Amino acid sequence: MDNTKAILALEDGTVFTGRSFTGHGEAVGEVVFNTSMSGYQEILTDPSYCGQMVTMTYPLIGSYGINDQDIESNRIQVRALLVKEYQAYPSNWRSKRSLADYLKAGDIPGIEGIDTRALTRHIRLAGAMKAALSTLDPDPDSLVEKARQSPDIVGTDLVKEVTCREPMLWQEGRPVKLDGGLDQFQWPEDGRGWRVVAIDYGVKLNILRSLEKRGCTILLVPAQVESETINRLNPHGLFLSNGPGDPAAVIYAVETIKDQIGRRPIFGICLGHQLIGLALGGKTFKLKFGHRGANQPVKDLKTGKVEITSQNHGFCVDMESLKNPDIELSHSNLNDNTLEGLIHKKISLFSVQYHPEASPGPHDASYLFDRFVEMMEKYHDNKHFGDV
């Protein structure tokens, strides 16, 4: 295993040292922490981490290796992985290769020996911030300057880096390219019951698996899709996916959602939830250090039930900015009382900030996919919408 010295320099001048377990490399990005005890493979491949370096608060990472099933996209999305101690010799019957080999194949730095407790505490107190990581540049002052000069996530559209480049039909657990594109697309005659257009802002694959499991035929479309195209496709429901970065920077998505509200049932997760908030006239803001982990407590404001949820986001909808009396706040975060979900009282629309597909994480919120199907059923029965 490589023991090359690595330096992590934050934009505020704080410096941490460690050693690389993936060879030489350099990266810049926002440093954030995740409190999950496992699930590092899903975290690495979650498109919502685009532009970020992730530090794991659990001290030992790599013990069960990497398998072929637990990926959430087609590549590693994080800029770097920072851990306290790397386990070079995985032991798990599903493991196909080590974490180090996986990171090396993606040209992603992996650093161990970082004081992750001190780094996490610093982020909690000072906030998530930009950083530079290098085994090549030994000058901390130089790396601090590189961090300060790196792009800021606020105001940056990261969705364009992770969205699919062309539409795809999700069939039997995998995406299939369309012959002739959307212009010639026809919903499969032998397809499953509910036709869902899913806008890909950086979707996790287990979300699509969760929808397919509930009898949906899913057409995955790029984030830049226009409302007119969705109308022509005539789906029973519209799903808005998770994704990275600042929702206020994804202006084209907000405009499309505005035009779709009221036309068909809509369900949004994470970034999709934030974009719905903007489309409803609300505002978003950046959280100090975000919510990232598989142990986030959320309260259902209607039932009083508390769910333990999987989350990954650095921005939030400002609940005070939602002035429409027809918008009901459905869920709140018990750690900081921020908005975690909303429902429209008169229109078939709801959204949540967390990840009900729970990959990784608990399954407390998986019922939300059932709610979406029930909403499409109710809308169809009342509006005689399409053929099922």
Protein backbone atom coordinates (compact mmCIF):
# COMPACT_ATOMS: atom_id res chain seq x y z
CA MET A 1 0.00 0.00 0.00
CA ASP A 2 1.24 3.48 -0.88
CA ASN A 3 2.35 5.68 2.02
CA THR A 4 2.90 8.91 0.09
CA LYS A 5 2.45 12.01 2.26
CA ALA A 6 -0.68 13.99 1.47
CA ILE A 7 -1.69 17.50 2.54
CA LEU A 8 -5.26 18.76 2.84
CA ALA A 9 -5.49 22.56 3.00
CA LEU A 10 -8.76 24.36 3.68
CA GLU A 11 -9.53 27.82 2.33
CA ASP A 12 -9.43 29.29 5.84
CA GLY A 13 -5.78 28.23 6.20
CA THR A 14 -6.34 25.08 8.28
CA VAL A 15 -4.06 22.23 7.22
CA PHE A 16 -4.32 18.47 7.80
CA THR A 17 -1.79 15.81 6.86
CA GLY A 18 -2.20 12.17 5.98
CA ARG A 19 -0.95 9.61 3.50
CA SER A 20 -2.28 8.38 0.20
CA PHE A 21 -3.41 4.79 -0.30
CA THR A 22 -4.01 5.37 -4.02
CA GLY A 23 -0.71 6.89 -5.20
CA HIS A 24 -0.02 10.44 -6.27
CA GLY A 25 -2.78 12.89 -7.07
CA GLU A 26 -4.27 16.32 -6.53
CA ALA A 27 -7.86 17.55 -6.21
CA VAL A 28 -9.93 20.56 -5.21
CA GLY A 29 -13.51 20.69 -3.99
CA GLU A 30 -15.79 21.40 -1.07
CA VAL A 31 -14.99 19.23 1.98
CA VAL A 32 -18.02 17.65 3.67
CA PHE A 33 -18.49 14.82 6.16
CA ASN A 34 -20.75 11.77 6.16
CA THR A 35 -21.82 10.07 9.40
CA SER A 36 -22.71 6.65 7.94
CA MET A 37 -20.95 3.63 9.42
CA SER A 38 -21.12 1.75 6.11
CA GLY A 39 -22.18 2.36 2.53
CA TYR A 40 -19.01 4.00 1.26
CA GLN A 41 -19.48 2.49 -2.21
CA GLU A 42 -22.92 4.07 -2.58
CA ILE A 43 -21.54 7.35 -1.24
CA LEU A 44 -18.65 7.34 -3.72
CA THR A 45 -21.01 6.86 -6.68
CA ASP A 46 -23.81 9.22 -5.56
CA PRO A 47 -23.98 12.07 -8.14
CA SER A 48 -25.12 14.44 -5.39
CA TYR A 49 -21.46 14.49 -4.25
CA CYS A 50 -20.22 15.97 -7.52
CA GLY A 51 -17.68 18.69 -6.72
CA GLN A 52 -17.05 17.50 -3.16
CA MET A 53 -14.41 15.66 -1.14
CA VAL A 54 -15.98 13.40 1.47
CA THR A 55 -14.59 12.55 4.88
CA MET A 56 -16.09 9.57 6.71
CA THR A 57 -16.66 10.01 10.43
CA TYR A 58 -16.56 6.24 10.99
CA PRO A 59 -12.87 5.46 11.55
CA LEU A 60 -12.29 2.20 9.60
CA ILE A 61 -13.20 2.21 5.90
CA GLY A 62 -12.67 -0.46 3.24
CA SER A 63 -13.28 -3.58 5.31
CA TYR A 64 -15.86 -5.14 2.95
CA GLY A 65 -14.27 -4.04 -0.32
CA ILE A 66 -16.16 -3.20 -3.51
CA ASN A 67 -18.83 -5.29 -5.23
CA ASP A 68 -20.64 -5.08 -8.57
CA GLN A 69 -24.12 -4.36 -7.19
CA ASP A 70 -23.94 -1.41 -4.79
CA ILE A 71 -23.25 1.38 -7.27
CA GLU A 72 -25.52 4.40 -7.62
CA SER A 73 -24.21 5.70 -10.96
CA ASN A 74 -21.80 4.73 -13.71
CA ARG A 75 -18.71 6.22 -12.07
CA ILE A 76 -17.18 7.57 -8.87
CA GLN A 77 -18.58 11.06 -8.31
CA VAL A 78 -16.59 12.40 -5.33
CA ARG A 79 -13.39 14.40 -5.86
CA ALA A 80 -11.57 12.53 -3.05
CA LEU A 81 -12.20 10.19 -0.10
CA LEU A 82 -10.72 11.06 3.31
CA VAL A 83 -10.62 8.44 6.07
CA LYS A 84 -8.98 7.84 9.42
CA GLU A 85 -7.84 4.28 8.68
CA TYR A 86 -8.00 2.35 5.42
CA GLN A 87 -8.47 -1.43 5.51
CA ALA A 88 -6.39 -2.81 2.64
CA TYR A 89 -7.56 -6.42 2.96
CA PRO A 90 -11.35 -6.64 2.61
CA SER A 91 -13.31 -9.64 3.84
CA ASN A 92 -16.77 -10.11 2.35
CA TRP A 93 -18.24 -12.77 0.06
CA ARG A 94 -19.55 -10.11 -2.35
CA SER A 95 -16.25 -8.25 -2.65
CA LYS A 96 -14.63 -8.19 -6.09
CA ARG A 97 -11.76 -5.78 -5.41
CA SER A 98 -10.34 -3.44 -2.82
CA LEU A 99 -11.45 0.13 -2.25
CA ALA A 100 -7.97 1.34 -3.23
CA ASP A 101 -8.12 -0.46 -6.58
CA TYR A 102 -11.58 1.00 -7.22
CA LEU A 103 -10.42 4.55 -6.49
CA LYS A 104 -7.26 4.12 -8.59
CA ALA A 105 -9.33 2.94 -11.56
CA GLY A 106 -11.36 6.14 -11.33
CA ASP A 107 -8.28 8.32 -10.75
CA ILE A 108 -9.75 9.50 -7.43
CA PRO A 109 -7.43 10.21 -4.47
CA GLY A 110 -7.89 8.18 -1.31
CA ILE A 111 -6.24 9.57 1.83
CA GLU A 112 -5.89 7.94 5.26
CA GLY A 113 -4.35 9.13 8.48
CA ILE A 114 -6.38 12.33 8.44
CA ASP A 115 -7.65 13.32 11.90
CA THR A 116 -11.25 12.96 10.76
CA ARG A 117 -12.66 13.86 14.20
CA ALA A 118 -10.81 17.18 14.16
CA LEU A 119 -11.76 17.81 10.52
CA THR A 120 -15.43 17.07 11.18
CA ARG A 121 -15.48 19.28 14.25
CA HIS A 122 -13.84 22.10 12.28
CA ILE A 123 -16.47 21.83 9.53
CA ARG A 124 -19.29 21.81 12.09
CA LEU A 125 -17.97 24.95 13.73
CA ALA A 126 -16.70 26.87 10.69
CA GLY A 127 -18.92 25.36 7.98
CA ALA A 128 -18.23 23.31 4.88
CA MET A 129 -15.56 25.00 2.81
CA LYS A 130 -13.36 24.65 -0.23
CA ALA A 131 -10.12 22.72 0.03
CA ALA A 132 -7.16 21.48 -1.98
CA LEU A 133 -5.61 18.05 -1.55
CA SER A 134 -2.24 17.02 -2.96
CA THR A 135 0.63 14.56 -2.78
CA LEU A 136 2.47 16.56 -5.44
CA ASP A 137 2.56 20.06 -3.96
CA PRO A 138 4.35 20.09 -0.57
CA ASP A 139 3.65 23.77 0.13
CA PRO A 140 0.61 24.27 2.43
CA ASP A 141 0.39 27.97 1.54
CA SER A 142 0.23 27.10 -2.14
CA LEU A 143 -2.56 24.61 -1.49
CA VAL A 144 -4.53 27.10 0.59
CA GLU A 145 -4.41 29.50 -2.34
CA LYS A 146 -5.51 26.73 -4.75
CA ALA A 147 -8.46 26.08 -2.46
CA ARG A 148 -9.43 29.73 -2.41
CA GLN A 149 -9.20 29.98 -6.21
CA SER A 150 -11.28 26.85 -6.84
CA PRO A 151 -14.92 27.21 -8.00
CA ASP A 152 -17.55 27.90 -5.36
CA ILE A 153 -20.53 25.53 -5.22
CA VAL A 154 -22.88 28.45 -4.54
CA GLY A 155 -24.09 29.73 -7.90
CA THR A 156 -22.62 26.82 -9.87
CA ASP A 157 -24.76 24.48 -11.96
CA LEU A 158 -23.31 21.03 -11.22
CA VAL A 159 -26.34 19.20 -12.63
CA LYS A 160 -25.01 19.56 -16.17
CA GLU A 161 -21.98 17.47 -15.15
CA VAL A 162 -24.00 14.47 -13.94
CA THR A 163 -27.24 14.35 -15.94
CA CYS A 164 -27.65 11.74 -18.67
CA ARG A 165 -26.64 12.95 -22.13
CA GLU A 166 -29.53 11.23 -23.89
CA PRO A 167 -32.90 9.79 -22.86
CA MET A 168 -33.04 6.16 -21.73
CA LEU A 169 -35.74 3.67 -20.87
CA TRP A 170 -35.21 1.90 -17.57
CA GLN A 171 -35.89 -1.79 -18.13
CA GLU A 172 -35.26 -4.72 -15.79
CA GLY A 173 -32.85 -2.85 -13.59
CA ARG A 174 -30.76 -1.10 -16.23
CA PRO A 175 -30.94 1.86 -18.64
CA VAL A 176 -31.52 1.14 -22.32
CA LYS A 177 -30.78 3.72 -25.02
CA LEU A 178 -33.65 4.75 -27.27
CA ASP A 179 -33.62 4.09 -30.99
CA GLY A 180 -34.40 7.41 -32.65
CA GLY A 181 -34.44 9.46 -29.44
CA LEU A 182 -37.49 11.12 -27.94
CA ASP A 183 -38.91 12.20 -31.30
CA GLN A 184 -39.74 8.60 -32.20
CA PHE A 185 -40.32 7.29 -28.69
CA GLN A 186 -43.43 5.27 -27.95
CA TRP A 187 -44.24 3.84 -24.54
CA PRO A 188 -43.84 0.03 -24.65
CA GLU A 189 -47.18 -1.69 -25.25
CA ASP A 190 -46.14 -4.47 -22.91
CA GLY A 191 -44.76 -1.97 -20.42
CA ARG A 192 -45.73 -1.92 -16.80
CA GLY A 193 -48.71 0.05 -15.54
CA TRP A 194 -47.64 3.58 -14.70
CA ARG A 195 -45.70 5.69 -17.18
CA VAL A 196 -43.24 7.94 -15.35
CA VAL A 197 -40.90 10.52 -16.82
CA ALA A 198 -37.95 10.87 -14.47
CA ILE A 199 -35.84 14.00 -14.92
CA ASP A 200 -32.22 13.14 -14.24
CA TYR A 201 -30.52 15.82 -12.15
CA GLY A 202 -28.08 13.17 -10.90
CA VAL A 203 -30.40 10.27 -10.10
CA LYS A 204 -29.33 7.37 -7.90
CA LEU A 205 -29.98 4.01 -9.50
CA ASN A 206 -31.77 2.59 -6.47
CA ILE A 207 -34.44 5.30 -6.87
CA LEU A 208 -35.19 3.93 -10.33
CA ARG A 209 -35.17 0.39 -8.98
CA SER A 210 -37.66 1.45 -6.29
CA LEU A 211 -40.04 2.92 -8.88
CA GLU A 212 -39.75 -0.10 -11.16
CA LYS A 213 -40.45 -2.41 -8.23
CA ARG A 214 -43.80 -0.64 -7.81
CA GLY A 215 -44.97 -1.22 -11.35
CA CYS A 216 -43.66 1.86 -13.16
CA THR A 217 -42.29 2.13 -16.67
CA ILE A 218 -39.61 4.80 -16.36
CA LEU A 219 -38.31 7.09 -19.08
CA LEU A 220 -35.16 8.84 -17.90
CA VAL A 221 -34.60 12.22 -19.57
CA PRO A 222 -31.82 14.84 -19.34
CA ALA A 223 -32.15 17.73 -16.93
CA GLN A 224 -32.56 20.23 -19.78
CA VAL A 225 -35.82 18.63 -20.98
CA GLU A 226 -38.50 21.18 -21.84
CA SER A 227 -42.05 21.14 -20.54
CA GLU A 228 -43.44 20.84 -24.08
CA THR A 229 -41.54 17.58 -24.53
CA ILE A 230 -42.94 16.16 -21.30
CA ASN A 231 -46.46 17.10 -22.39
CA ARG A 232 -45.94 15.28 -25.69
CA LEU A 233 -44.69 12.17 -23.86
CA ASN A 234 -47.89 12.29 -21.77
CA PRO A 235 -46.70 10.36 -18.69
CA HIS A 236 -48.94 9.48 -15.78
CA GLY A 237 -46.45 11.03 -13.37
CA LEU A 238 -43.33 13.18 -13.24
CA PHE A 239 -40.42 12.32 -10.96
CA LEU A 240 -37.72 14.88 -10.08
CA SER A 241 -34.48 13.30 -8.94
CA ASN A 242 -31.74 14.10 -6.47
CA GLY A 243 -28.62 15.91 -7.67
CA PRO A 244 -25.67 18.09 -6.69
CA GLY A 245 -25.03 21.72 -5.96
CA ASP A 246 -26.99 24.92 -5.74
CA PRO A 247 -30.64 24.55 -6.85
CA ALA A 248 -30.92 28.28 -7.57
CA ALA A 249 -28.33 27.85 -10.33
CA VAL A 250 -30.46 25.31 -12.23
CA ILE A 251 -32.80 27.95 -13.67
CA TYR A 252 -33.93 25.90 -16.67
CA ALA A 253 -35.19 23.12 -14.37
CA VAL A 254 -37.23 25.55 -12.28
CA GLU A 255 -38.93 26.91 -15.40
CA THR A 256 -39.84 23.41 -16.61
CA ILE A 257 -41.26 22.44 -13.22
CA LYS A 258 -43.29 25.66 -13.00
CA ASP A 259 -45.04 24.75 -16.22
CA GLN A 260 -45.61 21.12 -15.16
CA ILE A 261 -47.19 21.87 -11.78
CA GLY A 262 -50.87 20.94 -11.93
CA ARG A 263 -50.59 19.04 -15.20
CA ARG A 264 -49.81 15.65 -13.64
CA PRO A 265 -48.68 14.13 -10.29
CA ILE A 266 -45.17 15.19 -9.30
CA PHE A 267 -42.80 13.63 -6.76
CA GLY A 268 -39.43 15.20 -5.96
CA ILE A 269 -36.48 13.96 -3.90
CA CYS A 270 -33.55 16.01 -2.56
CA LEU A 271 -32.58 18.48 -5.32
CA GLY A 272 -35.94 17.74 -6.92
CA HIS A 273 -37.58 18.87 -3.67
CA GLN A 274 -35.53 22.08 -3.63
CA LEU A 275 -36.40 22.83 -7.26
CA ILE A 276 -40.09 22.34 -6.46
CA GLY A 277 -39.70 24.83 -3.61
CA LEU A 278 -38.25 27.38 -6.02
CA ALA A 279 -40.95 26.67 -8.61
CA LEU A 280 -43.61 27.32 -5.94
CA GLY A 281 -42.15 30.76 -5.28
CA GLY A 282 -39.90 29.87 -2.35
CA LYS A 283 -36.20 30.44 -1.77
CA THR A 284 -33.29 28.17 -0.92
CA PHE A 285 -30.22 28.71 1.23
CA LYS A 286 -26.95 26.93 1.96
CA LEU A 287 -26.74 25.00 5.20
CA LYS A 288 -23.68 25.52 7.38
CA PHE A 289 -22.40 21.97 6.98
CA GLY A 290 -25.29 20.08 5.41
CA HIS A 291 -26.99 16.79 6.23
CA ARG A 292 -25.05 13.73 5.09
CA GLY A 293 -25.47 10.28 6.58
CA ALA A 294 -27.83 7.36 7.09
CA ASN A 295 -28.98 8.35 10.59
CA GLN A 296 -30.83 11.66 10.16
CA PRO A 297 -34.03 11.98 12.27
CA VAL A 298 -37.06 13.42 10.48
CA LYS A 299 -40.51 14.03 11.95
CA ASP A 300 -43.73 13.57 9.99
CA LEU A 301 -45.66 16.67 11.09
CA LYS A 302 -49.04 15.09 10.38
CA THR A 303 -48.62 11.80 12.24
CA GLY A 304 -45.88 12.72 14.70
CA LYS A 305 -43.92 9.66 13.61
CA VAL A 306 -40.13 9.95 13.55
CA GLU A 307 -38.22 8.36 10.67
CA ILE A 308 -34.49 7.68 10.58
CA THR A 309 -33.44 8.71 7.08
CA SER A 310 -30.57 8.73 4.62
CA GLN A 311 -29.60 12.23 3.48
CA ASN A 312 -27.05 14.04 1.35
CA HIS A 313 -27.58 17.74 0.75
CA GLY A 314 -26.00 21.08 1.48
CA PHE A 315 -28.91 23.35 0.52
CA CYS A 316 -32.40 23.69 1.96
CA VAL A 317 -35.76 25.25 1.13
CA ASP A 318 -36.55 28.24 3.35
CA MET A 319 -39.90 27.27 4.87
CA GLU A 320 -40.65 30.92 5.71
CA SER A 321 -40.47 31.80 2.02
CA LEU A 322 -43.36 29.50 1.05
CA LYS A 323 -46.27 31.92 1.40
CA ASN A 324 -48.93 29.96 -0.51
CA PRO A 325 -51.53 28.73 2.04
CA ASP A 326 -52.11 25.64 -0.13
CA ILE A 327 -48.57 24.41 0.57
CA GLU A 328 -48.33 22.24 3.66
CA LEU A 329 -45.02 21.56 5.38
CA SER A 330 -45.01 17.79 5.86
CA HIS A 331 -41.67 16.89 7.47
CA SER A 332 -38.98 18.62 9.52
CA ASN A 333 -35.44 17.75 10.59
CA LEU A 334 -35.21 17.08 14.32
CA ASN A 335 -31.57 18.17 14.50
CA ASP A 336 -32.05 21.72 13.24
CA ASN A 337 -35.80 22.07 12.45
CA THR A 338 -35.16 22.70 8.75
CA LEU A 339 -37.74 21.77 6.12
CA GLU A 340 -37.66 18.11 5.02
CA GLY A 341 -40.87 17.79 3.01
CA LEU A 342 -43.91 19.53 1.56
CA ILE A 343 -47.30 18.67 0.12
CA HIS A 344 -49.65 20.75 -2.02
CA LYS A 345 -53.19 20.61 -0.63
CA LYS A 346 -54.97 21.06 -3.98
CA ILE A 347 -52.52 19.76 -6.58
CA SER A 348 -51.03 16.26 -6.92
CA LEU A 349 -47.55 17.21 -5.77
CA PHE A 350 -45.26 16.31 -2.87
CA SER A 351 -41.55 16.20 -2.19
CA VAL A 352 -39.01 15.29 0.47
CA GLN A 353 -35.47 16.43 1.17
CA TYR A 354 -34.19 13.01 2.20
CA HIS A 355 -33.63 9.72 0.32
CA PRO A 356 -36.45 7.16 0.73
CA GLU A 357 -34.62 4.66 -1.50
CA ALA A 358 -32.19 4.30 1.45
CA SER A 359 -29.07 3.32 -0.40
CA PRO A 360 -27.30 3.22 1.94
CA GLY A 361 -29.47 3.58 5.01
CA PRO A 362 -32.70 2.61 6.78
CA HIS A 363 -35.96 1.83 4.97
CA ASP A 364 -38.25 3.91 7.17
CA ALA A 365 -39.33 6.18 4.30
CA SER A 366 -39.75 3.68 1.45
CA TYR A 367 -43.54 4.16 1.70
CA LEU A 368 -43.15 7.45 -0.17
CA PHE A 369 -42.75 5.57 -3.45
CA ASP A 370 -46.08 3.85 -2.70
CA ARG A 371 -47.59 7.29 -2.04
CA PHE A 372 -46.48 8.43 -5.50
CA VAL A 373 -48.15 5.41 -7.13
CA GLU A 374 -51.31 6.00 -5.10
CA MET A 375 -51.28 9.64 -6.19
CA MET A 376 -51.10 8.60 -9.86
CA GLU A 377 -53.94 6.11 -9.31
CA LYS A 378 -56.13 8.74 -7.67
CA TYR A 379 -55.34 11.34 -10.32
CA HIS A 380 -56.11 8.84 -13.08
CA ASP A 381 -59.41 7.86 -11.52
CA ASN A 382 -60.50 11.47 -11.05
CA LYS A 383 -59.21 12.92 -14.31
CA HIS A 384 -59.47 9.88 -16.62
CA PHE A 385 -55.86 10.64 -17.47
CA GLY A 386 -54.29 8.38 -20.14
CA ASP A 387 -54.55 4.64 -20.41
CA VAL A 388 -53.09 2.26 -17.85
